[in-house]
Amino acid sequence: MTTIKMIGINDNFKKHIPTNILTIVTKTIEHFVVCLLSDNCPNIYLIDEENNICINDKFRNDYFGDSKKDTFVIDNYSFNITHLKIKSPEFGQNKLYYCANDRLVKSKKIDENITDLDETIFVKEGFWYLGILTGDYLDQNVDYNRQSFSIDEDSDFDISINKMTREAVSKAKVFLAGYLEKASAEKMQRVIEYTTKQAPEYRYLLNRKKDEISKLKPGLSDEELDDSLFKIKRDLEKEVKQDCDVVLQKIEDNGLDDSFEQELVETISKVSEMNKSALTNYIAKRKIIIEFFKKALRKRENGKYELEKVIHNLVFPMKTTNESCSYENHNLWLIDEKLSYSVYVASDITLGNDPENNRPDILVCDSPVVICDDDESTFYNTISIFEIKRPQRDDYTIEDNPYTQLIKYLEKIQKGDALDKNGRPIRVGNNTQYFLYAVCDITPTLKNVIKMLDFTYFDNEKGAFLFSKNYNAYIELISFDKMLSDSELRNKVFFKKLGIE
């Protein structure tokens, strides 16, 4: 029997030595794991003032699970690998051990080499994977202190750590095949669900880039998965662009040659799928905007409703025009699809030199008509003005209501006093048509205004309208409920096609 006592440890080493007995047990098992697998291994005990632990028993009871032995050959040298299922949660990682002379010399986390292997294996299966690599070549090339190997990390000619790792990983994949196949299937199912319900713009990648997707690690968060799919999509777009350049060059050099007809068809198919993906992304964003809109209409925890600026910015960012706000960054479609293609849109921009600083929430000028070559003689055939009110506002009077506010803006435009953001006149003609809209809840005080001004209700009192001959203007009050239901109805078929209803 051999007894080793830890007495009088050098202070320089003492601070690095663990004092927890279970930590020392784990480190001892790791270091002597090859010996512990042997039937001839002597009993090893760790004893302190409170514990007397048999390392052999601890290994058999808490660590040792199923095992299997494999061999492989590199440059006429035979290597042995023992696959172990480690039951102890303290082990904490899937590893590959490089051992020499029955001792651990080098360890490597193997998750990075096996795509579908990670820490979830212990949660799902109750074990960690450990591969123990031994062989004469390792014994012959270990340092005298057994701290490292005199073996190149990588080499095209000699045996290297990387060559041994590749062979060991290949054997480990076979040993773990049952688990890895299940983990891969679960990962792919998650990607399918994510690209169906949350990010349909990536769905076509399942067909085009299935191999790249299969290389993603399992257990990614939604954000990490989205980032990974975006990178795959971006790489595919670069690849398609290169393919297009090649095909176009062939057409330029040889004309439409039948010899690359299939290549042309395949390239066009890829471009078509990318375009569909972009459309899918846009429709999916519409779904999100509608959900935001719903939440903006709800009563807050303090009992109040959102200010009108919240909804205003959702429809079209304030203090901007369509020159500075791209099509993708506004949501005029919530009100009317046609508005998205207007010539001039101004959101919360003053109508020029106005001492009262009147600013229509949204001003839309469209269908410009040129009556001569002089730019100054161009007028807009259609003017639309939108006023957005706070949800459930209920303090309107005959003097202060959406109608009077819209008419005030209209009068300024018809008098020729209104200027655009560049200080140029907003010109109108005798035949210019005016459409005035107030987006608001039809509350009791607004109903009184509707009655006094002789509006006509429509759609079960979700809105009201009238036509003013004096102003040649159509005026409509649109409830938030109608605006929401109409936008949902217009987009319902697209959401259904994408499976994101």
Protein backbone atom coordinates (compact mmCIF):
# COMPACT_ATOMS: atom_id res chain seq x y z
CA MET A 1 0.00 0.00 0.00
CA THR A 2 1.19 3.48 -0.87
CA THR A 3 0.14 6.51 1.22
CA ILE A 4 0.57 10.10 0.07
CA LYS A 5 0.01 12.92 2.58
CA MET A 6 -0.55 16.53 1.49
CA ILE A 7 1.62 18.29 4.07
CA GLY A 8 3.67 21.45 3.83
CA ILE A 9 2.55 22.41 0.32
CA ASN A 10 4.57 25.17 -1.33
CA ASP A 11 2.60 28.43 -1.10
CA ASN A 12 3.13 29.08 -4.81
CA PHE A 13 1.24 25.85 -5.60
CA LYS A 14 -1.16 25.86 -2.68
CA LYS A 15 -3.35 28.66 -4.04
CA HIS A 16 -3.97 26.69 -7.23
CA ILE A 17 -4.91 23.40 -5.55
CA PRO A 18 -8.64 22.81 -5.00
CA THR A 19 -9.73 22.19 -1.41
CA ASN A 20 -13.20 20.78 -2.08
CA ILE A 21 -13.00 16.98 -1.74
CA LEU A 22 -15.46 16.33 -4.61
CA THR A 23 -13.42 18.53 -6.94
CA ILE A 24 -10.28 16.59 -6.01
CA VAL A 25 -12.18 13.33 -6.65
CA THR A 26 -13.23 14.50 -10.11
CA LYS A 27 -9.70 15.63 -11.01
CA THR A 28 -8.24 12.34 -9.76
CA ILE A 29 -10.72 10.29 -11.81
CA GLU A 30 -9.91 12.35 -14.90
CA HIS A 31 -6.19 11.86 -14.43
CA PHE A 32 -6.31 8.10 -13.74
CA VAL A 33 -9.32 7.20 -15.90
CA VAL A 34 -7.29 4.71 -18.00
CA CYS A 35 -6.10 2.95 -14.87
CA LEU A 36 -9.60 2.90 -13.39
CA LEU A 37 -10.86 1.10 -16.49
CA SER A 38 -8.38 -1.70 -15.89
CA ASP A 39 -9.34 -4.78 -13.91
CA ASN A 40 -5.91 -4.58 -12.24
CA CYS A 41 -6.32 -1.05 -10.95
CA PRO A 42 -5.49 -0.86 -7.23
CA ASN A 43 -7.97 0.76 -4.87
CA ILE A 44 -7.43 4.51 -4.48
CA TYR A 45 -8.77 6.41 -1.45
CA LEU A 46 -9.02 10.11 -0.76
CA ILE A 47 -9.15 10.87 2.94
CA ASP A 48 -9.53 14.13 4.82
CA GLU A 49 -10.81 15.02 8.27
CA GLU A 50 -14.43 14.34 7.30
CA ASN A 51 -14.36 12.01 4.27
CA ASN A 52 -12.99 8.65 3.20
CA ILE A 53 -13.82 8.19 -0.49
CA CYS A 54 -12.88 5.21 -2.63
CA ILE A 55 -12.09 6.57 -6.08
CA ASN A 56 -12.72 3.18 -7.68
CA ASP A 57 -16.23 2.93 -6.21
CA LYS A 58 -16.98 6.54 -7.09
CA PHE A 59 -15.92 5.88 -10.67
CA ARG A 60 -17.97 2.69 -11.01
CA ASN A 61 -21.09 4.04 -9.32
CA ASP A 62 -21.25 7.68 -10.41
CA TYR A 63 -19.14 7.91 -13.55
CA PHE A 64 -18.96 4.65 -15.43
CA GLY A 65 -21.81 4.00 -17.85
CA ASP A 66 -21.91 2.07 -21.10
CA SER A 67 -18.59 1.67 -22.87
CA LYS A 68 -17.18 0.40 -26.13
CA LYS A 69 -13.67 -0.02 -27.52
CA ASP A 70 -12.60 0.87 -31.07
CA THR A 71 -9.34 1.00 -32.99
CA PHE A 72 -8.06 2.93 -35.99
CA VAL A 73 -4.76 3.14 -37.83
CA ILE A 74 -2.75 6.17 -38.98
CA ASP A 75 0.54 5.63 -40.87
CA ASN A 76 0.85 2.03 -39.58
CA TYR A 77 0.35 3.11 -35.96
CA SER A 78 -2.62 1.59 -34.17
CA PHE A 79 -4.69 3.75 -31.81
CA ASN A 80 -7.30 2.65 -29.32
CA ILE A 81 -10.35 4.68 -28.35
CA THR A 82 -12.62 3.78 -25.47
CA HIS A 83 -16.07 5.37 -25.60
CA LEU A 84 -17.61 6.06 -22.21
CA LYS A 85 -20.95 7.39 -21.06
CA ILE A 86 -20.19 9.41 -17.94
CA LYS A 87 -23.17 9.51 -15.55
CA SER A 88 -21.90 12.19 -13.17
CA PRO A 89 -23.31 15.71 -13.67
CA GLU A 90 -20.07 17.14 -12.27
CA PHE A 91 -18.20 15.99 -15.37
CA GLY A 92 -19.86 18.87 -17.20
CA GLN A 93 -18.60 18.48 -20.80
CA ASN A 94 -18.26 16.08 -23.69
CA LYS A 95 -14.55 15.45 -24.05
CA LEU A 96 -11.79 13.58 -25.83
CA TYR A 97 -8.82 12.52 -23.68
CA TYR A 98 -5.36 11.98 -25.19
CA CYS A 99 -3.53 9.69 -22.77
CA ALA A 100 -0.01 8.30 -22.50
CA ASN A 101 1.35 5.64 -20.16
CA ASP A 102 -2.07 5.28 -18.53
CA ARG A 103 -2.28 8.98 -17.62
CA LEU A 104 -4.27 11.90 -19.00
CA VAL A 105 -2.02 14.35 -20.90
CA LYS A 106 -4.34 16.47 -23.04
CA SER A 107 -8.11 16.96 -23.11
CA LYS A 108 -10.30 18.55 -25.75
CA LYS A 109 -13.94 19.58 -25.74
CA ILE A 110 -15.40 17.56 -28.57
CA ASP A 111 -18.67 19.49 -29.13
CA GLU A 112 -16.99 21.72 -31.69
CA ASN A 113 -16.14 18.65 -33.80
CA ILE A 114 -19.58 17.00 -33.69
CA THR A 115 -22.33 19.37 -34.81
CA ASP A 116 -25.28 17.88 -32.96
CA LEU A 117 -23.43 17.20 -29.71
CA ASP A 118 -23.70 19.70 -26.86
CA GLU A 119 -24.55 19.91 -23.17
CA THR A 120 -28.19 18.95 -23.77
CA ILE A 121 -27.07 15.32 -24.11
CA PHE A 122 -26.89 15.07 -20.31
CA VAL A 123 -30.31 16.70 -19.88
CA LYS A 124 -31.93 14.38 -22.42
CA GLU A 125 -29.95 11.16 -22.01
CA GLY A 126 -28.36 11.41 -18.57
CA PHE A 127 -24.74 11.08 -19.64
CA TRP A 128 -21.72 12.94 -20.97
CA TYR A 129 -19.59 11.49 -23.73
CA LEU A 130 -15.92 10.75 -23.03
CA GLY A 131 -13.54 9.32 -25.62
CA ILE A 132 -10.23 8.01 -24.24
CA LEU A 133 -7.48 7.84 -26.84
CA THR A 134 -4.41 5.67 -26.22
CA GLY A 135 -1.66 4.02 -28.28
CA ASP A 136 2.07 3.39 -28.60
CA TYR A 137 2.56 6.54 -30.67
CA LEU A 138 1.15 8.65 -27.82
CA ASP A 139 3.28 6.82 -25.24
CA GLN A 140 6.41 7.41 -27.33
CA ASN A 141 5.81 11.13 -27.88
CA VAL A 142 4.84 12.38 -24.43
CA ASP A 143 7.02 14.77 -22.45
CA TYR A 144 8.90 13.38 -19.46
CA ASN A 145 6.52 15.19 -17.09
CA ARG A 146 3.44 13.95 -19.01
CA GLN A 147 2.15 17.54 -19.46
CA SER A 148 2.18 17.65 -23.27
CA PHE A 149 3.01 15.78 -26.48
CA SER A 150 5.83 16.43 -28.91
CA ILE A 151 3.32 16.05 -31.75
CA ASP A 152 2.38 18.77 -34.25
CA GLU A 153 -1.13 20.11 -33.94
CA ASP A 154 -1.52 19.75 -37.71
CA SER A 155 0.67 18.30 -40.44
CA ASP A 156 0.25 17.14 -44.01
CA PHE A 157 2.97 14.53 -43.68
CA ASP A 158 3.30 13.29 -40.09
CA ILE A 159 0.81 12.02 -37.57
CA SER A 160 -0.77 15.06 -35.93
CA ILE A 161 -3.24 15.83 -33.18
CA ASN A 162 -5.79 16.89 -35.78
CA LYS A 163 -5.49 13.60 -37.70
CA MET A 164 -6.03 11.63 -34.50
CA THR A 165 -8.97 13.88 -33.60
CA ARG A 166 -10.68 13.35 -36.97
CA GLU A 167 -10.41 9.57 -36.64
CA ALA A 168 -11.56 9.62 -33.04
CA VAL A 169 -14.51 11.86 -33.89
CA SER A 170 -15.52 9.52 -36.70
CA LYS A 171 -15.64 6.62 -34.23
CA ALA A 172 -17.47 8.75 -31.64
CA LYS A 173 -20.19 9.60 -34.16
CA VAL A 174 -20.85 5.90 -34.70
CA PHE A 175 -20.99 5.26 -30.94
CA LEU A 176 -23.42 8.21 -30.48
CA ALA A 177 -25.36 7.63 -33.70
CA GLY A 178 -28.70 7.00 -31.98
CA TYR A 179 -28.54 10.21 -30.00
CA LEU A 180 -27.07 12.32 -32.81
CA GLU A 181 -29.73 11.27 -35.33
CA LYS A 182 -32.48 12.19 -32.86
CA ALA A 183 -30.81 15.50 -31.97
CA SER A 184 -30.43 16.36 -35.67
CA ALA A 185 -34.09 15.57 -36.37
CA GLU A 186 -35.22 17.73 -33.43
CA LYS A 187 -33.01 20.59 -34.62
CA MET A 188 -34.37 20.44 -38.16
CA GLN A 189 -37.94 20.33 -36.83
CA ARG A 190 -37.24 23.46 -34.80
CA VAL A 191 -35.83 25.21 -37.87
CA ILE A 192 -38.94 24.21 -39.84
CA GLU A 193 -41.22 25.59 -37.11
CA TYR A 194 -39.18 28.79 -36.80
CA THR A 195 -39.18 29.43 -40.55
CA THR A 196 -42.89 28.68 -40.71
CA LYS A 197 -44.19 30.70 -37.78
CA GLN A 198 -41.61 33.40 -37.09
CA ALA A 199 -39.30 33.93 -40.06
CA PRO A 200 -40.89 32.57 -43.25
CA GLU A 201 -38.43 34.56 -45.38
CA TYR A 202 -35.88 31.84 -44.62
CA ARG A 203 -38.09 28.88 -45.49
CA TYR A 204 -36.70 28.41 -48.98
CA LEU A 205 -33.27 27.79 -47.44
CA LEU A 206 -34.53 24.40 -46.27
CA ASN A 207 -34.50 23.36 -49.90
CA ARG A 208 -31.47 25.27 -51.16
CA LYS A 209 -29.14 25.11 -48.17
CA LYS A 210 -30.18 22.06 -46.18
CA ASP A 211 -26.56 20.92 -45.70
CA GLU A 212 -25.54 24.29 -44.25
CA ILE A 213 -28.57 24.30 -41.94
CA SER A 214 -27.71 20.78 -40.76
CA LYS A 215 -24.34 22.15 -39.58
CA LEU A 216 -25.99 24.57 -37.13
CA LYS A 217 -25.58 23.69 -33.48
CA PRO A 218 -28.71 22.55 -31.62
CA GLY A 219 -30.07 24.62 -28.76
CA LEU A 220 -29.57 28.02 -30.42
CA SER A 221 -31.75 30.84 -29.13
CA ASP A 222 -34.19 32.44 -31.57
CA GLU A 223 -31.83 35.38 -31.99
CA GLU A 224 -28.84 33.11 -32.63
CA LEU A 225 -30.84 30.97 -35.05
CA ASP A 226 -32.02 34.04 -36.93
CA ASP A 227 -28.46 35.37 -37.20
CA SER A 228 -27.26 32.00 -38.52
CA LEU A 229 -30.05 31.73 -41.09
CA PHE A 230 -29.44 35.33 -42.18
CA LYS A 231 -25.77 34.50 -42.82
CA ILE A 232 -26.74 31.42 -44.86
CA LYS A 233 -29.22 33.53 -46.82
CA ARG A 234 -26.62 36.23 -47.45
CA ASP A 235 -24.09 33.63 -48.67
CA LEU A 236 -26.71 32.18 -51.00
CA GLU A 237 -27.48 35.64 -52.41
CA LYS A 238 -23.78 36.15 -53.15
CA GLU A 239 -23.66 32.74 -54.80
CA VAL A 240 -26.71 33.51 -56.93
CA LYS A 241 -25.27 36.86 -57.98
CA GLN A 242 -22.11 35.11 -59.13
CA ASP A 243 -24.19 32.54 -61.02
CA CYS A 244 -26.13 35.35 -62.71
CA ASP A 245 -22.93 37.07 -63.74
CA VAL A 246 -21.64 33.82 -65.28
CA VAL A 247 -24.88 33.16 -67.18
CA LEU A 248 -25.13 36.73 -68.43
CA GLN A 249 -21.54 36.59 -69.66
CA LYS A 250 -22.27 33.34 -71.51
CA ILE A 251 -25.30 34.92 -73.15
CA GLU A 252 -23.23 37.93 -74.15
CA ASP A 253 -20.48 35.72 -75.58
CA ASN A 254 -22.55 32.99 -77.22
CA GLY A 255 -26.17 34.09 -77.25
CA LEU A 256 -28.91 31.83 -75.89
CA ASP A 257 -27.07 28.57 -76.36
CA ASP A 258 -29.00 25.36 -75.63
CA SER A 259 -25.92 23.93 -73.95
CA PHE A 260 -26.51 25.90 -70.77
CA GLU A 261 -30.31 25.96 -70.85
CA GLN A 262 -30.57 23.95 -67.63
CA GLU A 263 -28.07 26.24 -65.93
CA LEU A 264 -30.15 29.24 -66.96
CA VAL A 265 -33.36 27.66 -65.67
CA GLU A 266 -31.73 26.81 -62.34
CA THR A 267 -30.34 30.34 -61.91
CA ILE A 268 -33.72 31.90 -62.69
CA SER A 269 -35.31 29.55 -60.15
CA LYS A 270 -32.87 30.71 -57.45
CA VAL A 271 -33.54 34.38 -58.23
CA SER A 272 -37.29 33.74 -58.11
CA GLU A 273 -37.00 32.10 -54.69
CA MET A 274 -34.94 35.02 -53.37
CA ASN A 275 -37.57 37.48 -54.58
CA LYS A 276 -40.30 35.43 -52.93
CA SER A 277 -38.25 35.45 -49.74
CA ALA A 278 -38.06 39.26 -49.79
CA LEU A 279 -41.83 39.46 -50.28
CA THR A 280 -42.35 36.93 -47.50
CA ASN A 281 -40.22 39.02 -45.17
CA TYR A 282 -42.27 42.11 -45.98
CA ILE A 283 -45.59 40.34 -45.37
CA ALA A 284 -44.30 38.89 -42.09
CA LYS A 285 -43.38 42.42 -40.97
CA ARG A 286 -46.94 43.51 -41.74
CA LYS A 287 -48.19 40.86 -39.35
CA ILE A 288 -45.94 42.28 -36.62
CA ILE A 289 -47.09 45.86 -37.33
CA ILE A 290 -50.75 44.83 -37.02
CA GLU A 291 -49.98 43.21 -33.66
CA PHE A 292 -48.28 46.45 -32.52
CA PHE A 293 -51.30 48.40 -33.70
CA LYS A 294 -53.62 46.17 -31.64
CA LYS A 295 -51.54 46.74 -28.53
CA ALA A 296 -51.43 50.50 -29.12
CA LEU A 297 -55.25 50.58 -28.98
CA ARG A 298 -55.45 48.87 -25.60
CA LYS A 299 -55.81 50.61 -22.27
CA ARG A 300 -52.49 50.87 -20.42
CA GLU A 301 -51.91 49.68 -16.84
CA ASN A 302 -52.44 53.25 -15.60
CA GLY A 303 -55.95 53.26 -17.06
CA LYS A 304 -55.08 55.65 -19.89
CA TYR A 305 -54.69 55.08 -23.62
CA GLU A 306 -51.63 55.66 -25.78
CA LEU A 307 -51.04 59.18 -27.08
CA GLU A 308 -51.86 59.80 -30.73
CA LYS A 309 -48.14 60.16 -31.54
CA VAL A 310 -47.61 56.46 -30.85
CA ILE A 311 -50.07 55.48 -33.58
CA HIS A 312 -48.90 58.35 -35.77
CA ASN A 313 -45.31 57.09 -35.73
CA LEU A 314 -46.51 53.57 -36.39
CA VAL A 315 -48.35 54.70 -39.54
CA PHE A 316 -45.68 57.16 -40.74
CA PRO A 317 -42.71 58.52 -38.73
CA MET A 318 -43.32 62.11 -37.60
CA LYS A 319 -41.27 65.01 -39.00
CA THR A 320 -40.44 63.06 -42.18
CA THR A 321 -41.52 62.87 -45.80
CA ASN A 322 -41.53 60.02 -48.31
CA GLU A 323 -38.22 61.39 -49.61
CA SER A 324 -36.50 60.57 -46.32
CA CYS A 325 -38.65 57.61 -45.24
CA SER A 326 -38.42 54.57 -47.51
CA TYR A 327 -41.37 52.43 -48.52
CA GLU A 328 -40.27 49.69 -46.08
CA ASN A 329 -40.12 52.09 -43.11
CA HIS A 330 -43.66 53.42 -43.11
CA ASN A 331 -47.03 51.70 -42.82
CA LEU A 332 -49.50 53.83 -44.75
CA TRP A 333 -51.00 50.55 -45.94
CA LEU A 334 -52.70 50.36 -42.53
CA ILE A 335 -55.02 53.08 -43.84
CA ASP A 336 -54.99 52.48 -47.60
CA GLU A 337 -52.61 50.53 -49.88
CA LYS A 338 -52.71 53.24 -52.56
CA LEU A 339 -51.19 55.81 -50.24
CA SER A 340 -47.84 53.99 -50.31
CA TYR A 341 -47.27 55.08 -53.91
CA SER A 342 -48.10 58.77 -53.58
CA VAL A 343 -45.91 61.48 -55.10
CA TYR A 344 -45.52 63.55 -51.93
CA VAL A 345 -46.18 62.52 -48.33
CA ALA A 346 -45.44 64.78 -45.37
CA SER A 347 -45.86 63.66 -41.77
CA ASP A 348 -46.22 66.35 -39.10
CA ILE A 349 -44.62 68.98 -41.37
CA THR A 350 -45.81 72.59 -41.07
CA LEU A 351 -47.64 74.11 -44.05
CA GLY A 352 -45.07 76.85 -44.46
CA ASN A 353 -45.17 80.34 -42.93
CA ASP A 354 -47.96 79.61 -40.48
CA PRO A 355 -48.02 81.68 -37.25
CA GLU A 356 -50.20 78.99 -35.64
CA ASN A 357 -47.76 76.31 -36.77
CA ASN A 358 -50.52 74.14 -38.19
CA ARG A 359 -49.20 70.71 -39.08
CA PRO A 360 -51.44 68.07 -40.62
CA ASP A 361 -50.65 64.67 -39.18
CA ILE A 362 -50.24 63.30 -42.70
CA LEU A 363 -50.52 65.23 -45.97
CA VAL A 364 -50.61 63.29 -49.24
CA CYS A 365 -50.32 65.02 -52.62
CA ASP A 366 -50.79 62.91 -55.72
CA SER A 367 -51.50 62.81 -59.44
CA PRO A 368 -49.55 65.96 -60.45
CA VAL A 369 -50.86 67.66 -63.58
CA VAL A 370 -48.57 69.75 -65.82
CA ILE A 371 -50.48 72.43 -67.72
CA CYS A 372 -47.39 73.88 -69.44
CA ASP A 373 -43.62 73.42 -69.56
CA ASP A 374 -43.11 75.75 -66.60
CA ASP A 375 -42.71 73.75 -63.38
CA GLU A 376 -44.57 76.51 -61.55
CA SER A 377 -47.70 75.57 -63.48
CA THR A 378 -47.87 72.06 -62.09
CA PHE A 379 -50.71 71.34 -59.65
CA TYR A 380 -51.83 68.30 -57.71
CA ASN A 381 -55.02 66.62 -58.86
CA THR A 382 -55.55 64.86 -55.52
CA ILE A 383 -54.94 66.07 -51.99
CA SER A 384 -55.51 63.81 -48.96
CA ILE A 385 -55.18 64.94 -45.35
CA PHE A 386 -55.19 62.63 -42.33
CA GLU A 387 -55.68 63.51 -38.71
CA ILE A 388 -54.99 60.87 -36.05
CA LYS A 389 -56.50 61.16 -32.57
CA ARG A 390 -55.79 59.48 -29.26
CA PRO A 391 -57.72 56.21 -28.80
CA GLN A 392 -60.97 56.66 -26.87
CA ARG A 393 -60.68 60.46 -26.77
CA ASP A 394 -64.07 61.80 -25.70
CA ASP A 395 -63.93 65.57 -25.26
CA TYR A 396 -64.95 66.84 -28.71
CA THR A 397 -67.12 69.94 -29.20
CA ILE A 398 -68.66 71.59 -32.26
CA GLU A 399 -65.73 74.03 -32.25
CA ASP A 400 -62.96 71.50 -31.54
CA ASN A 401 -63.23 68.24 -33.43
CA PRO A 402 -61.45 66.39 -36.26
CA TYR A 403 -63.72 67.91 -38.93
CA THR A 404 -62.96 71.54 -38.05
CA GLN A 405 -59.26 70.77 -37.79
CA LEU A 406 -59.17 69.12 -41.23
CA ILE A 407 -61.13 72.01 -42.80
CA LYS A 408 -58.62 74.50 -41.37
CA TYR A 409 -55.77 72.70 -43.18
CA LEU A 410 -57.81 72.49 -46.35
CA GLU A 411 -58.62 76.21 -46.39
CA LYS A 412 -54.94 77.10 -46.13
CA ILE A 413 -54.13 74.83 -49.10
CA GLN A 414 -57.02 76.14 -51.22
CA LYS A 415 -55.97 79.75 -50.57
CA GLY A 416 -52.51 78.94 -51.94
CA ASP A 417 -50.77 79.68 -48.64
CA ALA A 418 -49.44 76.17 -48.05
CA LEU A 419 -45.82 75.26 -48.72
CA ASP A 420 -44.10 71.89 -48.88
CA LYS A 421 -41.01 71.00 -46.80
CA ASN A 422 -38.75 72.70 -49.40
CA GLY A 423 -40.72 75.93 -49.20
CA ARG A 424 -42.36 75.38 -52.60
CA PRO A 425 -46.09 76.14 -53.01
CA ILE A 426 -48.50 73.22 -52.82
CA ARG A 427 -50.46 74.15 -55.96
CA VAL A 428 -54.03 73.05 -56.52
CA GLY A 429 -56.45 73.63 -59.38
CA ASN A 430 -60.18 74.08 -59.80
CA ASN A 431 -60.60 70.37 -60.39
CA THR A 432 -58.39 69.19 -57.54
CA GLN A 433 -60.13 66.53 -55.47
CA TYR A 434 -59.84 66.60 -51.69
CA PHE A 435 -60.12 63.67 -49.32
CA LEU A 436 -60.05 64.38 -45.59
CA TYR A 437 -59.80 61.54 -43.06
CA ALA A 438 -59.87 61.49 -39.28
CA VAL A 439 -58.74 58.25 -37.65
CA CYS A 440 -60.33 58.11 -34.21
CA ASP A 441 -62.72 56.21 -31.97
CA ILE A 442 -66.40 57.10 -32.46
CA THR A 443 -67.00 58.17 -28.84
CA PRO A 444 -70.19 59.81 -27.47
CA THR A 445 -68.96 63.41 -27.88
CA LEU A 446 -67.86 62.70 -31.45
CA LYS A 447 -71.28 61.17 -32.15
CA ASN A 448 -72.81 64.52 -31.14
CA VAL A 449 -70.56 66.27 -33.68
CA ILE A 450 -71.47 63.71 -36.34
CA LYS A 451 -75.16 64.38 -35.71
CA MET A 452 -74.85 68.18 -35.78
CA LEU A 453 -72.76 68.17 -38.97
CA ASP A 454 -75.11 65.68 -40.64
CA PHE A 455 -72.55 62.94 -41.30
CA THR A 456 -73.82 59.59 -42.57
CA TYR A 457 -72.82 56.44 -40.69
CA PHE A 458 -71.59 53.32 -42.44
CA ASP A 459 -70.41 49.81 -41.47
CA ASN A 460 -72.43 49.59 -38.24
CA GLU A 461 -71.28 53.02 -37.05
CA LYS A 462 -67.59 52.12 -37.39
CA GLY A 463 -67.27 55.21 -39.56
CA ALA A 464 -69.09 58.22 -40.92
CA PHE A 465 -68.81 60.43 -44.03
CA LEU A 466 -70.10 63.49 -45.78
CA PHE A 467 -69.36 65.41 -48.99
CA SER A 468 -68.91 69.16 -48.80
CA LYS A 469 -69.83 70.95 -52.02
CA ASN A 470 -68.38 74.19 -50.68
CA TYR A 471 -64.93 72.65 -50.33
CA ASN A 472 -65.30 69.99 -53.04
CA ALA A 473 -64.10 67.57 -50.37
CA TYR A 474 -65.01 64.11 -49.21
CA ILE A 475 -64.65 63.85 -45.41
CA GLU A 476 -64.56 60.54 -43.57
CA LEU A 477 -64.23 59.58 -39.94
CA ILE A 478 -62.63 56.14 -39.59
CA SER A 479 -62.75 54.28 -36.29
CA PHE A 480 -59.63 52.49 -35.10
CA ASP A 481 -61.62 49.25 -35.05
CA LYS A 482 -62.45 49.62 -38.73
CA MET A 483 -58.89 50.57 -39.64
CA LEU A 484 -57.64 47.47 -37.81
CA SER A 485 -60.21 45.05 -39.21
CA ASP A 486 -59.78 46.36 -42.76
CA SER A 487 -56.00 46.06 -42.65
CA GLU A 488 -56.29 42.52 -41.25
CA LEU A 489 -58.80 41.57 -43.93
CA ARG A 490 -56.64 42.94 -46.78
CA ASN A 491 -53.64 40.97 -45.57
CA LYS A 492 -55.43 37.83 -44.37
CA VAL A 493 -54.88 35.89 -47.58
CA PHE A 494 -51.13 36.63 -47.50
CA PHE A 495 -50.84 35.60 -43.85
CA LYS A 496 -52.74 32.40 -44.65
CA LYS A 497 -50.43 31.56 -47.53
CA LEU A 498 -47.43 32.04 -45.25
CA GLY A 499 -48.99 30.04 -42.43
CA ILE A 500 -48.77 32.96 -39.95
CA GLU A 501 -52.47 33.62 -39.37
